[in-house]
N, C-alpha and C. Protein backbone atom coordinates (compact mmCIF):
# COMPACT_ATOMS: atom_id res chain seq x y z
N MET A 1 0.91 -0.93 0.01
CA MET A 1 0.18 -0.06 -0.04
C MET A 1 0.53 0.96 -0.48
N LYS A 2 0.56 2.04 -0.59
CA LYS A 2 1.47 3.19 -0.89
C LYS A 2 0.69 4.21 -0.33
N LEU A 3 1.03 5.55 0.04
CA LEU A 3 0.97 6.65 0.79
C LEU A 3 0.76 8.13 -0.18
N ASN A 4 -0.07 8.65 -0.91
CA ASN A 4 0.73 9.96 -1.62
C ASN A 4 0.51 11.10 -0.60
N LEU A 5 1.39 11.65 0.00
CA LEU A 5 1.31 12.82 1.02
C LEU A 5 2.06 13.78 0.10
N LYS A 6 0.43 14.74 -0.36
CA LYS A 6 0.95 16.60 -0.64
C LYS A 6 1.04 16.91 0.46
N LEU A 7 2.31 18.14 0.38
CA LEU A 7 1.72 19.42 1.00
C LEU A 7 2.18 20.46 0.29
N SER A 8 0.95 21.49 1.08
CA SER A 8 1.13 22.34 -0.23
C SER A 8 2.66 23.46 0.52
N LYS A 9 2.27 24.34 -0.24
CA LYS A 9 3.86 24.82 0.04
C LYS A 9 3.57 25.87 0.86
N ARG A 10 1.97 26.47 2.18
CA ARG A 10 1.73 27.75 3.06
C ARG A 10 2.94 26.31 4.29
N PRO A 11 1.93 25.14 4.24
CA PRO A 11 1.98 24.45 5.87
C PRO A 11 3.52 24.26 5.79
N MET A 12 4.46 23.76 4.44
CA MET A 12 5.88 23.76 4.52
C MET A 12 6.37 25.24 4.72
N MET A 13 5.96 26.10 3.88
CA MET A 13 7.09 27.95 4.39
C MET A 13 6.81 27.87 6.42
N ILE A 14 5.67 27.13 6.34
CA ILE A 14 5.28 27.87 8.01
C ILE A 14 5.94 26.53 8.77
N ALA A 15 6.52 25.87 8.86
CA ALA A 15 7.40 25.35 9.56
C ALA A 15 8.80 25.65 9.15
N ALA A 16 9.27 25.65 8.58
CA ALA A 16 10.37 25.93 7.55
C ALA A 16 10.61 27.39 9.02
N VAL A 17 9.64 28.52 8.93
CA VAL A 17 9.75 29.62 9.59
C VAL A 17 9.94 29.26 11.07
N ALA A 18 9.05 28.14 11.74
CA ALA A 18 9.06 28.01 12.93
C ALA A 18 10.39 27.59 12.99
N VAL A 19 10.55 26.58 12.70
CA VAL A 19 12.19 25.85 12.57
C VAL A 19 13.09 27.15 12.98
N LEU A 20 13.27 27.95 11.89
CA LEU A 20 14.36 28.73 11.60
C LEU A 20 14.02 29.85 13.30
N ALA A 21 12.62 30.54 13.62
CA ALA A 21 12.45 30.94 15.02
C ALA A 21 12.82 30.34 16.17
N MET A 22 12.71 28.70 15.56
CA MET A 22 12.89 27.78 17.54
C MET A 22 14.93 27.75 17.37
N GLY A 23 14.94 27.64 16.00
CA GLY A 23 16.54 28.39 16.15
C GLY A 23 17.02 29.48 16.54
N ALA A 24 16.64 30.55 16.34
CA ALA A 24 16.69 31.41 16.49
C ALA A 24 16.93 31.80 18.24
N VAL A 25 15.74 31.42 18.87
CA VAL A 25 15.80 31.77 20.35
C VAL A 25 16.85 30.70 20.67
N MET A 26 17.08 29.62 20.98
CA MET A 26 17.89 28.91 20.53
C MET A 26 19.23 29.71 21.27
N VAL A 27 20.14 30.71 19.77
CA VAL A 27 21.03 30.86 19.64
C VAL A 27 20.65 31.93 20.48
N SER A 28 20.03 32.92 21.04
CA SER A 28 20.27 33.55 21.28
C SER A 28 20.53 33.82 23.36
N ARG A 29 19.40 32.58 22.87
CA ARG A 29 19.33 32.25 24.74
C ARG A 29 21.00 31.49 25.36
N SER A 30 21.67 30.63 23.99
CA SER A 30 22.96 30.24 24.55
C SER A 30 23.68 31.27 24.77
N SER A 31 23.68 32.49 23.53
CA SER A 31 24.86 33.42 23.88
C SER A 31 24.73 34.58 24.84
N HIS A 32 23.55 34.21 25.36
CA HIS A 32 23.05 35.54 26.98
C HIS A 32 23.67 34.17 28.18
N ASP A 33 24.06 33.45 28.29
CA ASP A 33 24.34 32.12 28.57
C ASP A 33 26.04 32.14 29.11
N ASP A 34 26.69 33.01 27.93
CA ASP A 34 27.58 33.16 28.05
C ASP A 34 28.92 34.26 28.19
N SER A 35 27.19 34.94 28.99
CA SER A 35 27.68 36.60 28.75
C SER A 35 28.79 36.60 30.00
N ALA A 36 28.92 37.53 30.37
CA ALA A 36 30.18 37.43 31.89
C ALA A 36 29.01 38.70 32.80
N GLY A 37 27.98 38.76 32.13
CA GLY A 37 26.89 39.09 33.44
C GLY A 37 27.31 40.75 33.68
N SER A 38 26.56 41.60 34.56
CA SER A 38 27.29 42.63 35.15
C SER A 38 27.84 42.20 36.94
N LEU A 39 27.98 43.07 37.23
CA LEU A 39 29.03 42.74 38.54
C LEU A 39 27.96 43.66 39.48
N ASP A 40 27.08 43.36 40.19
CA ASP A 40 26.34 44.06 40.72
C ASP A 40 26.62 43.82 42.60
N ASP A 41 26.39 44.36 43.42
CA ASP A 41 26.22 44.52 45.07
C ASP A 41 26.88 42.95 45.35
N ALA A 42 25.73 42.04 45.23
CA ALA A 42 26.29 40.66 45.53
C ALA A 42 26.97 40.03 44.35
N ALA A 43 27.08 40.64 43.68
CA ALA A 43 28.87 39.52 42.33
C ALA A 43 30.00 40.34 43.06
N ASN A 44 29.86 41.13 43.79
CA ASN A 44 30.65 41.82 43.72
C ASN A 44 31.73 41.10 45.56
N ARG A 45 30.29 41.32 46.40
CA ARG A 45 31.28 40.83 47.41
C ARG A 45 31.39 39.37 47.15
N ALA A 46 30.73 38.76 46.62
CA ALA A 46 31.18 37.48 46.42
C ALA A 46 32.44 37.13 45.77
N CYS A 47 32.79 38.01 45.04
CA CYS A 47 34.18 37.79 44.44
C CYS A 47 35.10 38.86 44.92
N SER A 48 35.15 39.51 46.27
CA SER A 48 36.15 39.90 47.08
C SER A 48 36.55 39.30 48.12
N ASP A 49 35.24 38.65 48.66
CA ASP A 49 35.16 37.67 49.91
C ASP A 49 35.64 35.84 49.09
N PHE A 50 36.15 36.29 48.09
CA PHE A 50 36.70 34.26 47.90
C PHE A 50 38.34 35.34 47.34
N ALA A 51 38.23 35.84 47.50
CA ALA A 51 39.64 36.87 46.42
C ALA A 51 40.21 36.86 48.29
N ALA A 52 39.57 37.20 49.57
CA ALA A 52 40.06 37.30 50.59
C ALA A 52 40.13 36.38 51.11
N GLY A 53 39.41 35.41 50.57
CA GLY A 53 39.93 34.09 51.84
C GLY A 53 40.31 32.42 51.16
N TYR A 54 41.17 32.99 50.10
CA TYR A 54 41.36 31.61 49.15
C TYR A 54 42.23 31.48 49.84
N PRO A 55 43.21 31.98 49.62
CA PRO A 55 44.16 31.80 50.33
C PRO A 55 44.74 30.91 51.98
N GLN A 56 43.95 31.13 52.72
CA GLN A 56 44.20 30.79 53.67
C GLN A 56 42.83 29.31 53.89
N ALA A 57 42.34 28.92 52.74
CA ALA A 57 41.67 28.36 52.55
C ALA A 57 42.26 26.67 52.30
N ARG A 58 42.79 26.46 53.24
CA ARG A 58 44.01 24.88 53.20
C ARG A 58 43.61 23.99 52.78
N THR A 59 42.84 24.11 54.42
CA THR A 59 42.17 22.57 55.25
C THR A 59 40.58 22.20 54.36
N LYS A 60 39.99 21.31 54.39
CA LYS A 60 38.71 20.91 53.83
C LYS A 60 37.44 21.79 55.07
N THR A 61 38.01 21.95 56.31
CA THR A 61 36.35 23.04 57.30
C THR A 61 36.75 24.98 56.47
N ALA A 62 37.76 24.96 56.57
CA ALA A 62 38.33 26.86 55.87
C ALA A 62 37.44 26.49 54.13
N ARG A 63 38.13 25.37 53.32
CA ARG A 63 37.24 25.99 51.80
C ARG A 63 35.60 25.44 51.86
N LEU A 64 35.14 24.64 53.02
CA LEU A 64 33.54 24.73 53.41
C LEU A 64 33.11 25.94 53.84
N ALA A 65 33.46 26.75 54.78
CA ALA A 65 33.20 27.46 55.58
C ALA A 65 33.36 29.22 53.81
N LEU A 66 34.37 29.05 53.66
CA LEU A 66 34.56 30.17 51.93
C LEU A 66 33.12 29.88 51.46
N ALA A 67 33.24 28.72 51.16
CA ALA A 67 32.44 28.08 50.05
C ALA A 67 30.53 28.44 50.11
N ASP A 68 30.56 28.03 51.63
CA ASP A 68 29.35 29.41 52.15
C ASP A 68 28.77 29.63 51.90
N ARG A 69 30.07 30.50 52.19
CA ARG A 69 30.56 32.39 52.82
C ARG A 69 29.60 33.27 51.20
N VAL A 70 30.63 32.93 50.26
CA VAL A 70 30.47 32.83 48.80
C VAL A 70 29.17 32.40 48.28
N THR A 71 28.64 31.25 48.66
CA THR A 71 27.34 31.29 48.07
C THR A 71 26.16 31.62 48.42
N ALA A 72 26.57 32.42 50.06
CA ALA A 72 25.60 32.64 50.13
C ALA A 72 25.39 34.47 49.51
N SER A 73 26.85 35.20 49.27
CA SER A 73 26.52 36.08 48.77
C SER A 73 26.15 36.61 47.17
N SER A 74 26.52 35.02 46.74
CA SER A 74 26.50 34.98 45.45
C SER A 74 24.92 34.83 44.68
N GLY A 75 24.16 33.94 46.13
CA GLY A 75 22.96 33.93 45.38
C GLY A 75 21.32 34.86 45.38
N ARG A 76 22.94 36.41 45.45
CA ARG A 76 21.85 37.38 45.41
C ARG A 76 21.93 37.90 44.39
N THR A 77 22.54 37.63 43.85
CA THR A 77 22.86 38.30 42.45
C THR A 77 22.61 37.85 40.96
N GLY A 78 22.51 39.04 39.97
CA GLY A 78 22.44 39.14 39.61
C GLY A 78 22.60 37.74 38.15
N ASN A 79 23.67 37.56 38.66
CA ASN A 79 24.72 37.23 38.00
C ASN A 79 25.21 35.72 37.24
N ARG A 80 24.61 35.06 36.45
CA ARG A 80 24.11 33.51 35.99
C ARG A 80 26.17 33.03 36.17
N GLN A 81 26.29 33.83 35.71
CA GLN A 81 27.86 32.68 35.57
C GLN A 81 28.55 32.95 36.81
N ILE A 82 28.89 34.23 38.06
CA ILE A 82 29.27 33.94 39.31
C ILE A 82 28.83 32.98 40.36
N SER A 83 26.83 33.30 40.44
CA SER A 83 26.25 32.29 41.49
C SER A 83 26.34 31.07 40.72
N GLN A 84 26.97 30.42 39.21
CA GLN A 84 26.66 29.21 38.68
C GLN A 84 28.71 28.77 39.80
N ARG A 85 29.55 30.03 39.43
CA ARG A 85 30.72 29.23 39.28
C ARG A 85 31.10 29.47 40.87
N ALA A 86 30.33 30.49 41.78
CA ALA A 86 30.33 29.98 43.63
C ALA A 86 29.78 28.71 44.33
N VAL A 87 28.10 28.17 42.99
CA VAL A 87 28.13 26.37 43.95
C VAL A 87 29.64 25.50 43.29
N ASP A 88 29.72 25.52 41.89
CA ASP A 88 30.73 24.93 41.75
C ASP A 88 31.58 24.48 42.99
N VAL A 89 31.93 25.67 42.92
CA VAL A 89 33.45 26.31 44.11
C VAL A 89 32.94 25.57 45.47
N GLY A 90 31.38 25.73 45.78
CA GLY A 90 30.93 24.97 46.74
C GLY A 90 30.47 23.33 46.90
N ARG A 91 30.71 22.78 45.19
CA ARG A 91 30.74 21.21 45.11
C ARG A 91 31.75 20.91 45.66
N THR A 92 32.88 21.46 45.08
CA THR A 92 34.20 20.48 45.21
C THR A 92 34.94 21.49 45.96
N ALA A 93 34.55 22.17 46.78
CA ALA A 93 34.99 22.37 48.45
C ALA A 93 35.32 21.37 49.16
N ASP A 94 35.08 20.00 49.11
CA ASP A 94 35.48 19.03 50.01
C ASP A 94 36.56 18.06 49.18
N ASP A 95 36.49 18.60 48.36
CA ASP A 95 37.90 17.88 47.55
C ASP A 95 38.69 17.75 47.76
N GLY A 96 39.34 19.68 47.53
CA GLY A 96 40.81 19.64 47.89
C GLY A 96 41.61 19.14 46.82
N SER A 97 41.54 19.11 46.03
CA SER A 97 42.47 18.92 44.98
C SER A 97 42.40 19.98 43.41
N THR A 98 42.46 18.90 42.40
CA THR A 98 42.55 19.76 41.08
C THR A 98 40.99 20.29 40.80
N ALA A 99 39.83 19.64 41.34
CA ALA A 99 38.69 20.15 41.28
C ALA A 99 38.13 21.63 41.92
N TRP A 100 38.88 21.09 42.49
CA TRP A 100 39.31 22.48 43.78
C TRP A 100 39.65 23.93 43.47
N ARG A 101 40.65 23.78 42.89
CA ARG A 101 41.58 25.01 42.05
C ARG A 101 40.91 24.85 40.91
N ASP A 102 40.65 23.91 39.97
CA ASP A 102 39.88 24.35 38.93
C ASP A 102 38.41 25.60 39.06
N SER A 103 37.80 25.01 39.78
CA SER A 103 36.58 25.72 40.29
C SER A 103 36.93 27.29 40.65
N ALA A 104 37.44 27.59 41.64
CA ALA A 104 38.39 28.55 42.44
C ALA A 104 38.91 29.72 40.27
N GLU A 105 39.81 28.93 40.06
CA GLU A 105 39.96 30.11 38.74
C GLU A 105 38.39 29.98 37.74
N ALA A 106 37.94 29.05 37.36
CA ALA A 106 36.86 29.62 36.94
C ALA A 106 35.98 30.52 37.68
N LEU A 107 35.45 30.49 38.95
CA LEU A 107 35.05 31.45 39.85
C LEU A 107 35.32 33.08 39.58
N THR A 108 37.02 32.72 39.99
CA THR A 108 37.97 34.01 39.42
C THR A 108 37.98 35.22 37.88
N THR A 109 37.75 33.92 37.21
CA THR A 109 37.58 34.31 35.75
C THR A 109 36.17 34.88 35.63
N ALA A 110 35.12 34.13 36.29
CA ALA A 110 34.04 34.94 35.63
C ALA A 110 33.86 36.00 36.62
N CYS A 111 34.59 36.17 37.70
CA CYS A 111 34.97 37.67 38.38
C CYS A 111 35.16 39.18 37.50
N ARG A 112 36.25 38.39 37.47
CA ARG A 112 37.04 39.36 36.06
C ARG A 112 36.51 39.74 35.07
N ALA A 113 35.56 38.85 34.21
CA ALA A 113 35.37 39.29 33.15
C ALA A 113 34.28 39.84 33.35
N ALA A 114 33.05 39.75 34.65
CA ALA A 114 32.04 41.01 34.94
C ALA A 114 33.44 42.37 34.96
N GLY A 115 34.19 42.67 35.55
CA GLY A 115 34.32 44.28 36.10
C GLY A 115 34.85 43.81 37.40
N TRP A 116 35.33 43.24 37.95
CA TRP A 116 35.19 42.59 39.11
C TRP A 116 37.31 42.52 39.10
N GLN A 117 37.41 44.07 40.25
CA GLN A 117 39.38 43.78 40.55
C GLN A 117 39.67 43.96 41.73
N ALA A 118 40.82 43.11 41.96
CA ALA A 118 41.13 42.48 43.84
C ALA A 118 41.50 43.81 44.15
N ALA A 119 40.66 44.30 45.18
CA ALA A 119 40.99 45.62 45.82
C ALA A 119 42.99 45.97 46.54
């Protein structure tokens, strides 16, 4: 049994426009997610607290305390990158290894990209 399916040009054009629109929305969202964001007061505090506490955070307890302080500050920021990087720092604070250092560098990079400067 053979089915003949004929689509007129109009439904095909509507489908093509819908696909293009969805693609544009996805590209727009992905480029927005990668932006550095702004440095509001909460992001500035999170970055400054982290920079001040990082050199002394040599033990698991110190790393966890620092991560808690930074995550609390970053939780009030509108800067998605800094907020996410602070969560990553908290997630790796228990490790004390390469993951901790990598997440610390990622947070510092996000802070600097947003315009933060060490005092």
